[in-house]
């Protein structure tokens, strides 16, 4: 009996030590970003049957229940609690907190691992990386999210090449009855990013509802068109025809024929777009204020990356010194059918197992994945009050098992002395 109790108590000491180790690790990581607490779970070991069950014999012998005694316990699992931790605003552009389901996908020493730790940084090569040097994976701008993710990079000071202006959009009102020319000034860009000042002048012709349009560039040898363009409005104040051709339900584009030769131009040229009648920002001729203006245009000079931000959909948006912004890529998230089946390999990193299932990748906010909060991190989900309570219980159970060892040892010693 004493030998059996010694084995049971020894197993209890071992399992309680594992429980204490687990609690101690949780408490130690109570301030570790993205850390998920663990809980030791136990089960009893194979019991020894002292007496089997007995069947009743007539009315003279009643049935008897089986008698068995346990041999202690063992650790069945250390489960991970994947509930969300508190989110803290850091203001650091590279930091991300996952709100909802999902893990960041990281390449660490050739192995793909998964983490909730969004305390990210930019390494010496411009890669978006974890504190332990893992490369954060996602999709570069224009890359489909169905393709394999690749390391993402953010290089402050990197150059965005210039883009030639292809379209200039006009909109607003030309005051009805005006007898004075109306000039709209804008700046377009050539293929090298040089700024080209353009004046677009509407001049009343004297004919009803009719204007001529001509464009000029300071220093250029000729205007933008060899002959002025003719713009006619209907009696309803809406654009009716351009150069004698009736306008339809789509925008009318006027190709600029004479781009100034002292600038560099690529194929495709530059077009002036006049919105369709009745559309937003359509050109009108009403008896109201003069509001004609360039509503939008593309093209820009070269610029350098000044800053960047991470959106809720995982898009990394770069802002450039030329006033433009563009996507630098999208951070990937992964989810698992059974996150509790992931294997914890340290550094708040996990790898899949047969129990977790294979990772399902996607952009944040799609397919049941959570979203990202830029400039923030998810803290540890360790509840210190619960851990300290569990610590007291584990310590008490540990001490109780040592008492059993002492008592069993005393009983065995007495038996030896009797013999």
Protein backbone atom coordinates (compact mmCIF):
# COMPACT_ATOMS: atom_id res chain seq x y z
CA UNK A 1 0.00 0.00 0.00
CA UNK A 2 2.76 2.45 0.94
CA UNK A 3 4.73 1.63 -2.21
CA UNK A 4 1.64 2.38 -4.33
CA UNK A 5 1.02 5.68 -2.51
CA UNK A 6 4.65 6.65 -3.01
CA UNK A 7 4.28 6.21 -6.80
CA UNK A 8 1.03 8.17 -6.87
CA UNK A 9 2.51 10.99 -4.80
CA UNK A 10 5.66 11.07 -6.96
CA UNK A 11 3.52 11.45 -10.10
CA UNK A 12 1.59 14.20 -8.36
CA UNK A 13 4.80 16.04 -7.51
CA UNK A 14 5.94 15.75 -11.13
CA UNK A 15 2.66 17.01 -12.59
CA UNK A 16 2.42 19.85 -10.08
CA UNK A 17 5.96 20.83 -11.02
CA UNK A 18 4.83 21.01 -14.65
CA UNK A 19 1.85 23.11 -13.54
CA UNK A 20 4.17 25.45 -11.64
CA UNK A 21 6.49 25.67 -14.66
CA UNK A 22 3.56 26.59 -16.91
CA UNK A 23 2.26 29.22 -14.50
CA UNK A 24 5.75 30.63 -14.01
CA UNK A 25 6.21 30.93 -17.78
CA UNK A 26 2.87 32.73 -18.10
CA UNK A 27 3.75 35.20 -15.35
CA UNK A 28 7.20 35.79 -16.85
CA UNK A 29 5.56 36.66 -20.20
CA UNK A 30 2.79 38.85 -18.83
CA UNK A 31 4.36 41.82 -20.66
CA UNK A 32 5.40 39.98 -23.85
CA UNK A 33 3.57 41.32 -26.91
CA UNK A 34 1.42 38.70 -28.62
CA UNK A 35 2.06 36.05 -25.91
CA UNK A 36 -0.69 33.50 -25.31
CA UNK A 37 -1.02 31.90 -21.89
CA UNK A 38 -0.92 28.14 -21.35
CA UNK A 39 -2.77 25.84 -18.98
CA UNK A 40 -1.49 22.45 -17.83
CA UNK A 41 -4.17 19.74 -18.03
CA UNK A 42 -4.01 16.41 -16.22
CA UNK A 43 -5.46 12.90 -16.32
CA UNK A 44 -5.25 9.90 -14.03
CA UNK A 45 -3.00 7.02 -15.05
CA UNK A 46 -4.01 3.39 -15.44
CA UNK A 47 -5.66 2.14 -12.31
CA UNK A 48 -5.06 -1.24 -10.65
CA UNK A 49 -8.11 -3.41 -10.17
CA UNK A 50 -8.18 -4.97 -6.71
CA UNK A 51 -11.46 -6.87 -7.12
CA UNK A 52 -13.60 -7.42 -10.22
CA UNK A 53 -17.33 -6.90 -10.27
CA UNK A 54 -19.40 -9.84 -8.99
CA UNK A 55 -22.79 -10.98 -10.22
CA UNK A 56 -25.67 -11.64 -7.85
CA UNK A 57 -26.26 -15.31 -6.91
CA UNK A 58 -29.94 -15.94 -6.42
CA UNK A 59 -31.28 -14.17 -3.39
CA UNK A 60 -28.43 -15.09 -1.08
CA UNK A 61 -25.41 -13.19 -2.58
CA UNK A 62 -25.79 -9.62 -3.84
CA UNK A 63 -23.83 -8.25 -6.78
CA UNK A 64 -20.59 -6.44 -5.93
CA UNK A 65 -19.01 -3.40 -7.55
CA UNK A 66 -15.46 -3.53 -8.88
CA UNK A 67 -12.72 -2.19 -6.62
CA UNK A 68 -9.77 -0.36 -8.12
CA UNK A 69 -7.16 2.12 -7.01
CA UNK A 70 -5.36 4.81 -9.01
CA UNK A 71 -1.62 5.04 -9.56
CA UNK A 72 -1.35 8.81 -9.72
CA UNK A 73 -1.71 11.31 -12.54
CA UNK A 74 0.09 12.62 -15.58
CA UNK A 75 0.09 15.69 -17.83
CA UNK A 76 -2.36 15.16 -20.69
CA UNK A 77 -1.74 18.47 -22.45
CA UNK A 78 -0.64 22.07 -22.05
CA UNK A 79 -3.36 23.98 -23.86
CA UNK A 80 -2.86 27.47 -25.26
CA UNK A 81 -5.38 30.22 -24.70
CA UNK A 82 -5.68 32.12 -27.99
CA UNK A 83 -8.08 34.78 -26.73
CA UNK A 84 -7.15 38.33 -27.73
CA UNK A 85 -4.90 40.37 -25.51
CA UNK A 86 -5.30 44.10 -24.85
CA UNK A 87 -4.41 46.43 -27.73
CA UNK A 88 -2.02 49.29 -26.98
CA UNK A 89 -1.47 52.28 -29.25
CA UNK A 90 2.23 52.79 -29.94
CA UNK A 91 2.23 55.27 -32.83
CA UNK A 92 4.99 53.22 -34.51
CA UNK A 93 4.15 52.89 -38.20
CA UNK A 94 5.38 49.31 -38.48
CA UNK A 95 3.38 48.00 -35.49
CA UNK A 96 0.18 46.04 -36.13
CA UNK A 97 -2.39 44.49 -33.83
CA UNK A 98 -4.62 41.70 -35.14
CA UNK A 99 -8.22 42.33 -34.18
CA UNK A 100 -10.02 39.02 -34.51
CA UNK A 101 -8.88 35.74 -35.98
CA UNK A 102 -5.55 35.19 -37.68
CA UNK A 103 -1.79 35.01 -37.44
CA UNK A 104 0.96 36.92 -39.21
CA UNK A 105 2.86 34.73 -41.68
CA UNK A 106 6.63 34.87 -41.16
CA UNK A 107 9.65 33.28 -42.84
CA UNK A 108 12.16 32.45 -40.11
CA UNK A 109 15.45 30.82 -41.17
CA UNK A 110 13.78 29.15 -44.13
CA UNK A 111 10.82 27.91 -42.07
CA UNK A 112 7.33 29.42 -42.23
CA UNK A 113 6.02 30.24 -38.76
CA UNK A 114 2.95 32.05 -37.47
CA UNK A 115 2.67 34.69 -34.76
CA UNK A 116 0.33 37.23 -33.16
CA UNK A 117 3.23 39.47 -32.15
CA UNK A 118 2.85 42.62 -34.26
CA UNK A 119 5.84 44.45 -32.77
CA UNK A 120 7.44 44.76 -36.21
CA UNK A 121 10.41 46.70 -37.51
CA UNK A 122 12.34 47.39 -40.72
CA UNK A 123 15.63 45.52 -40.95
CA UNK A 124 18.86 46.71 -42.59
CA UNK A 125 17.68 45.41 -45.98
CA UNK A 126 14.38 47.28 -45.82
CA UNK A 127 12.37 44.14 -45.05
CA UNK A 128 9.39 44.23 -42.70
CA UNK A 129 10.52 41.89 -39.92
CA UNK A 130 9.76 40.54 -36.46
CA UNK A 131 12.01 41.32 -33.46
CA UNK A 132 13.70 37.92 -33.94
CA UNK A 133 14.52 38.68 -37.60
CA UNK A 134 11.72 36.78 -39.30
CA UNK A 135 10.49 38.25 -42.60
CA UNK A 136 6.81 39.21 -42.66
CA UNK A 137 5.10 37.75 -45.73
CA UNK A 138 2.36 39.18 -47.93
CA UNK A 139 1.76 40.30 -51.46
CA UNK A 140 3.47 43.12 -53.31
CA UNK A 141 1.37 45.80 -55.01
CA UNK A 142 -0.52 44.24 -57.91
CA UNK A 143 0.27 40.67 -56.85
CA UNK A 144 -2.91 38.53 -56.50
CA UNK A 145 -3.63 37.28 -52.98
CA UNK A 146 -4.16 33.79 -54.40
CA UNK A 147 -0.43 33.55 -55.16
CA UNK A 148 2.29 32.51 -52.73
CA UNK A 149 3.17 35.32 -50.29
CA UNK A 150 6.62 36.89 -50.40
CA UNK A 151 8.67 39.07 -48.00
CA UNK A 152 7.47 42.67 -47.86
CA UNK A 153 9.80 45.64 -47.90
CA UNK A 154 9.52 49.30 -46.91
CA UNK A 155 12.50 51.47 -47.83
CA UNK A 156 12.20 55.05 -46.53
CA UNK A 157 13.80 57.47 -48.98
CA UNK A 158 13.30 55.12 -51.91
CA UNK A 159 12.44 56.81 -55.19
CA UNK A 160 9.11 56.69 -56.95
CA UNK A 161 9.74 57.21 -60.68
CA UNK A 162 7.89 60.02 -62.47
CA UNK A 163 4.73 59.36 -64.44
CA UNK A 164 3.67 61.32 -67.50
CA UNK A 165 0.28 62.96 -67.37
CA UNK A 166 -2.17 61.08 -69.59
CA UNK A 167 -5.51 62.66 -68.67
CA UNK A 168 -6.66 66.12 -67.58
CA UNK A 169 -10.28 66.33 -66.39
CA UNK A 170 -12.25 69.58 -66.61
CA UNK A 171 -15.46 70.39 -64.77
CA UNK A 172 -17.56 73.22 -63.42
CA UNK A 173 -19.63 76.09 -64.82
CA UNK A 174 -18.92 78.64 -67.56
CA UNK A 175 -21.08 81.61 -66.68
CA UNK A 176 -23.86 82.12 -69.23
CA UNK A 177 -23.68 85.47 -71.02
CA UNK A 178 -20.02 86.03 -70.25
CA UNK A 179 -18.17 88.08 -72.86
CA UNK A 180 -14.70 87.63 -71.39
CA UNK A 181 -12.31 84.72 -71.90
CA UNK A 182 -12.02 82.21 -69.06
CA UNK A 183 -8.58 80.69 -68.41
CA UNK A 184 -7.93 77.59 -66.33
CA UNK A 185 -4.32 76.97 -65.32
CA UNK A 186 -2.86 73.61 -64.38
CA UNK A 187 0.48 71.78 -64.27
CA UNK A 188 1.05 68.55 -66.12
CA UNK A 189 4.17 66.34 -66.14
CA UNK A 190 6.25 65.00 -69.00
CA UNK A 191 7.85 61.55 -69.10
CA UNK A 192 10.82 62.72 -67.00
CA UNK A 193 8.62 64.36 -64.37
CA UNK A 194 9.26 67.92 -65.51
CA UNK A 195 6.42 70.28 -64.60
CA UNK A 196 4.69 71.77 -67.64
CA UNK A 197 2.45 74.85 -66.98
CA UNK A 198 -0.67 74.73 -69.17
CA UNK A 199 -3.27 77.45 -69.74
CA UNK A 200 -6.65 76.36 -71.13
CA UNK A 201 -8.63 79.35 -72.37
CA UNK A 202 -12.34 79.40 -73.26
CA UNK A 203 -13.32 82.41 -75.39
CA UNK A 204 -16.91 83.38 -76.32
CA UNK A 205 -17.25 83.38 -80.13
CA UNK A 206 -20.30 85.63 -80.28
CA UNK A 207 -22.47 82.78 -81.57
CA UNK A 208 -25.16 81.54 -79.19
CA UNK A 209 -23.84 79.15 -76.50
CA UNK A 210 -20.56 78.70 -78.38
CA UNK A 211 -16.99 78.93 -77.04
CA UNK A 212 -13.60 78.33 -78.57
CA UNK A 213 -10.99 76.44 -76.56
CA UNK A 214 -7.24 76.79 -76.98
CA UNK A 215 -4.32 75.73 -74.80
CA UNK A 216 -0.88 77.27 -74.46
CA UNK A 217 2.39 76.53 -72.69
CA UNK A 218 4.71 79.38 -71.81
CA UNK A 219 7.74 79.33 -74.10
CA UNK A 220 6.25 76.83 -76.54
CA UNK A 221 6.43 77.61 -80.25
CA UNK A 222 2.81 76.74 -80.94
CA UNK A 223 -0.50 76.28 -79.07
CA UNK A 224 -1.79 72.84 -78.08
CA UNK A 225 -4.08 72.65 -81.09
CA UNK A 226 -3.45 74.04 -84.56
CA UNK A 227 -6.98 75.43 -84.56
CA UNK A 228 -9.15 76.25 -81.53
CA UNK A 229 -11.62 73.59 -80.45
CA UNK A 230 -15.30 74.51 -80.71
CA UNK A 231 -17.45 73.90 -77.64
CA UNK A 232 -21.26 74.28 -77.93
CA UNK A 233 -23.84 74.10 -75.14
CA UNK A 234 -27.54 73.32 -75.51
CA UNK A 235 -30.36 75.53 -74.33
CA UNK A 236 -30.48 73.39 -71.19
CA UNK A 237 -26.98 74.55 -70.25
CA UNK A 238 -25.43 71.11 -70.82
CA UNK A 239 -22.56 70.35 -73.19
CA UNK A 240 -24.05 69.59 -76.62
CA UNK A 241 -21.21 69.18 -79.11
CA UNK A 242 -17.45 69.36 -79.48
CA UNK A 243 -16.01 70.33 -82.86
CA UNK A 244 -19.41 69.71 -84.41
CA UNK A 245 -19.77 66.17 -83.06
CA UNK A 246 -22.71 65.63 -80.64
CA UNK A 247 -21.61 64.48 -77.22
CA UNK A 248 -23.07 61.29 -75.82
CA UNK A 249 -23.46 59.57 -72.50
CA UNK A 250 -19.70 59.13 -72.04
CA UNK A 251 -16.87 61.58 -71.56
CA UNK A 252 -15.43 63.34 -74.61
CA UNK A 253 -11.65 63.24 -74.95
CA UNK A 254 -9.61 65.77 -76.89
CA UNK A 255 -6.11 64.59 -77.76
CA UNK A 256 -3.56 67.38 -77.40
CA UNK A 257 -1.98 67.57 -80.84
CA UNK A 258 0.99 69.86 -80.24
CA UNK A 259 2.80 68.91 -77.05
CA UNK A 260 5.67 71.39 -76.52
CA UNK A 261 8.85 70.01 -78.07
CA UNK A 262 11.14 71.32 -75.34
CA UNK A 263 9.80 68.58 -73.03
CA UNK A 264 10.02 64.78 -73.24
CA UNK A 265 6.87 62.85 -74.09
CA UNK A 266 6.21 59.12 -74.28
CA UNK A 267 3.70 57.29 -76.47
CA UNK A 268 0.02 57.77 -75.77
CA UNK A 269 0.23 61.53 -75.41
CA UNK A 270 -2.04 63.66 -73.22
CA UNK A 271 -5.82 64.00 -73.43
CA UNK A 272 -8.26 66.60 -72.15
CA UNK A 273 -11.41 64.88 -70.82
CA UNK A 274 -14.80 66.62 -70.74
CA UNK A 275 -17.30 64.75 -68.54
CA UNK A 276 -20.57 63.55 -70.04
CA UNK A 277 -23.56 65.92 -69.70
CA UNK A 278 -25.37 65.44 -66.41
CA UNK A 279 -22.50 63.57 -64.78
CA UNK A 280 -20.65 64.68 -61.69
CA UNK A 281 -18.39 67.69 -62.42
CA UNK A 282 -19.84 68.02 -65.93
CA UNK A 283 -19.10 71.31 -67.72
CA UNK A 284 -22.20 73.49 -67.79
CA UNK A 285 -23.28 76.94 -68.96
CA UNK A 286 -25.70 78.28 -66.39
CA UNK A 287 -26.44 81.80 -65.22
CA UNK A 288 -24.45 81.26 -62.04
CA UNK A 289 -20.94 81.71 -60.73
CA UNK A 290 -17.88 80.91 -62.78
CA UNK A 291 -16.46 77.64 -61.37
CA UNK A 292 -14.68 76.01 -64.30
CA UNK A 293 -11.52 74.23 -63.11
CA UNK A 294 -9.33 71.18 -63.56
CA UNK A 295 -11.04 68.64 -61.29
CA UNK A 296 -8.35 65.96 -61.52
CA UNK A 297 -5.34 64.82 -63.48
CA UNK A 298 -2.78 62.07 -63.32
CA UNK A 299 0.97 62.15 -63.65
CA UNK A 300 3.55 63.32 -61.15
CA UNK A 301 7.19 64.20 -60.68
CA UNK A 302 9.67 61.79 -59.11
CA UNK A 303 9.40 61.56 -55.33
CA UNK A 304 10.93 59.86 -52.31
CA UNK A 305 9.13 57.78 -49.70
CA UNK A 306 8.55 60.03 -46.69
CA UNK A 307 6.19 57.96 -44.55
CA UNK A 308 3.93 54.92 -44.59
CA UNK A 309 0.96 53.46 -42.77
CA UNK A 310 -0.76 50.08 -42.46
CA UNK A 311 -4.52 49.95 -43.03
CA UNK A 312 -7.12 47.64 -41.54
CA UNK A 313 -7.08 45.56 -44.74
CA UNK A 314 -3.34 45.01 -44.42
CA UNK A 315 -2.42 47.45 -47.19
CA UNK A 316 0.87 49.26 -46.62
CA UNK A 317 0.45 52.75 -48.11
CA UNK A 318 3.51 54.85 -48.84
CA UNK A 319 3.36 58.66 -48.97
CA UNK A 320 5.89 60.38 -51.23
CA UNK A 321 7.47 63.82 -51.28
CA UNK A 322 5.69 64.63 -54.56
CA UNK A 323 2.32 64.43 -52.82
CA UNK A 324 1.35 61.03 -54.18
CA UNK A 325 0.63 57.82 -52.32
CA UNK A 326 0.64 54.24 -53.48
CA UNK A 327 0.36 50.71 -52.15
CA UNK A 328 3.64 49.03 -51.21
CA UNK A 329 2.00 45.66 -50.57
CA UNK A 330 -0.52 43.80 -48.40
CA UNK A 331 0.26 41.86 -45.21
CA UNK A 332 -1.01 38.26 -45.24
CA UNK A 333 -2.89 36.59 -42.39
CA UNK A 334 -3.40 32.87 -41.80
CA UNK A 335 -6.02 30.93 -39.89
CA UNK A 336 -6.29 27.32 -38.73
CA UNK A 337 -9.21 24.96 -38.16
CA UNK A 338 -7.81 24.15 -34.70
CA UNK A 339 -5.39 26.82 -33.41
CA UNK A 340 -4.97 24.87 -30.17
CA UNK A 341 -3.21 22.21 -32.22
CA UNK A 342 -0.36 24.58 -33.14
CA UNK A 343 3.09 23.80 -31.76
CA UNK A 344 4.69 26.60 -29.72
CA UNK A 345 8.37 26.88 -30.73
CA UNK A 346 9.20 30.00 -28.72
CA UNK A 347 9.56 33.69 -29.63
CA UNK A 348 5.72 33.74 -29.73
CA UNK A 349 6.00 31.69 -32.94
CA UNK A 350 3.90 28.66 -33.82
CA UNK A 351 4.11 25.97 -36.47
CA UNK A 352 1.24 23.84 -37.76
CA UNK A 353 0.75 20.19 -36.87
CA UNK A 354 -1.63 17.49 -38.04
CA UNK A 355 -3.88 18.55 -35.15
CA UNK A 356 -4.03 22.21 -36.19
CA UNK A 357 -4.71 21.60 -39.87
CA UNK A 358 -3.09 23.42 -42.77
CA UNK A 359 -3.00 27.26 -42.82
CA UNK A 360 -5.61 29.13 -44.84
CA UNK A 361 -4.14 32.41 -46.11
CA UNK A 362 -5.88 35.61 -47.12
CA UNK A 363 -5.91 39.39 -46.85
CA UNK A 364 -7.08 40.86 -43.52
CA UNK A 365 -10.85 41.25 -43.38
CA UNK A 366 -11.55 38.43 -45.85
CA UNK A 367 -12.62 34.83 -45.36
CA UNK A 368 -13.23 35.11 -41.62
CA UNK A 369 -9.83 36.64 -40.93
CA UNK A 370 -9.52 39.55 -38.55
CA UNK A 371 -8.41 43.05 -39.44
CA UNK A 372 -5.25 44.94 -38.58
CA UNK A 373 -4.84 48.07 -36.50
CA UNK A 374 -1.77 50.00 -37.56
CA UNK A 375 0.39 51.80 -34.99
CA UNK A 376 -0.68 49.39 -32.24
CA UNK A 377 0.31 46.03 -30.74
CA UNK A 378 -1.60 43.24 -29.03
CA UNK A 379 -0.28 42.61 -25.55
CA UNK A 380 -0.05 39.39 -23.58
CA UNK A 381 -3.37 37.79 -22.63
CA UNK A 382 -1.99 36.59 -19.28
CA UNK A 383 -4.42 37.36 -16.43
CA UNK A 384 -2.14 37.86 -13.41
CA UNK A 385 -4.96 37.51 -10.88
CA UNK A 386 -5.90 34.11 -12.27
CA UNK A 387 -2.28 33.02 -12.53
CA UNK A 388 -1.52 33.94 -8.92
CA UNK A 389 -4.59 32.04 -7.74
CA UNK A 390 -3.55 29.00 -9.77
CA UNK A 391 -0.03 29.36 -8.37
CA UNK A 392 -1.30 29.04 -4.80
CA UNK A 393 -3.40 25.99 -5.71
CA UNK A 394 -0.50 24.28 -7.50
CA UNK A 395 1.88 25.05 -4.64
CA UNK A 396 -0.58 23.63 -2.10
CA UNK A 397 -1.08 20.48 -4.18
CA UNK A 398 2.70 20.10 -4.53
CA UNK A 399 3.18 20.36 -0.76
CA UNK A 400 0.33 17.90 -0.13
CA UNK A 401 2.00 15.32 -2.38
CA UNK A 402 5.28 15.74 -0.50
CA UNK A 403 3.34 15.04 2.74
CA UNK A 404 2.08 11.80 1.21
CA UNK A 405 5.70 10.86 0.39
CA UNK A 406 6.72 11.58 4.00
CA UNK A 407 3.85 9.56 5.45
CA UNK A 408 4.43 6.62 3.09
CA UNK A 409 8.14 6.63 3.87
CA UNK A 410 7.40 6.56 7.60
CA UNK A 411 4.98 3.66 7.14
CA UNK A 412 7.52 1.67 5.10
CA UNK A 413 10.23 2.32 7.67
CA UNK A 414 7.93 0.97 10.41
CA UNK A 415 7.33 -2.19 8.35
CA UNK A 416 11.05 -2.72 7.92
CA UNK A 417 11.67 -2.31 11.62
CA UNK A 418 8.89 -4.82 12.42
CA UNK A 419 10.51 -7.37 10.15
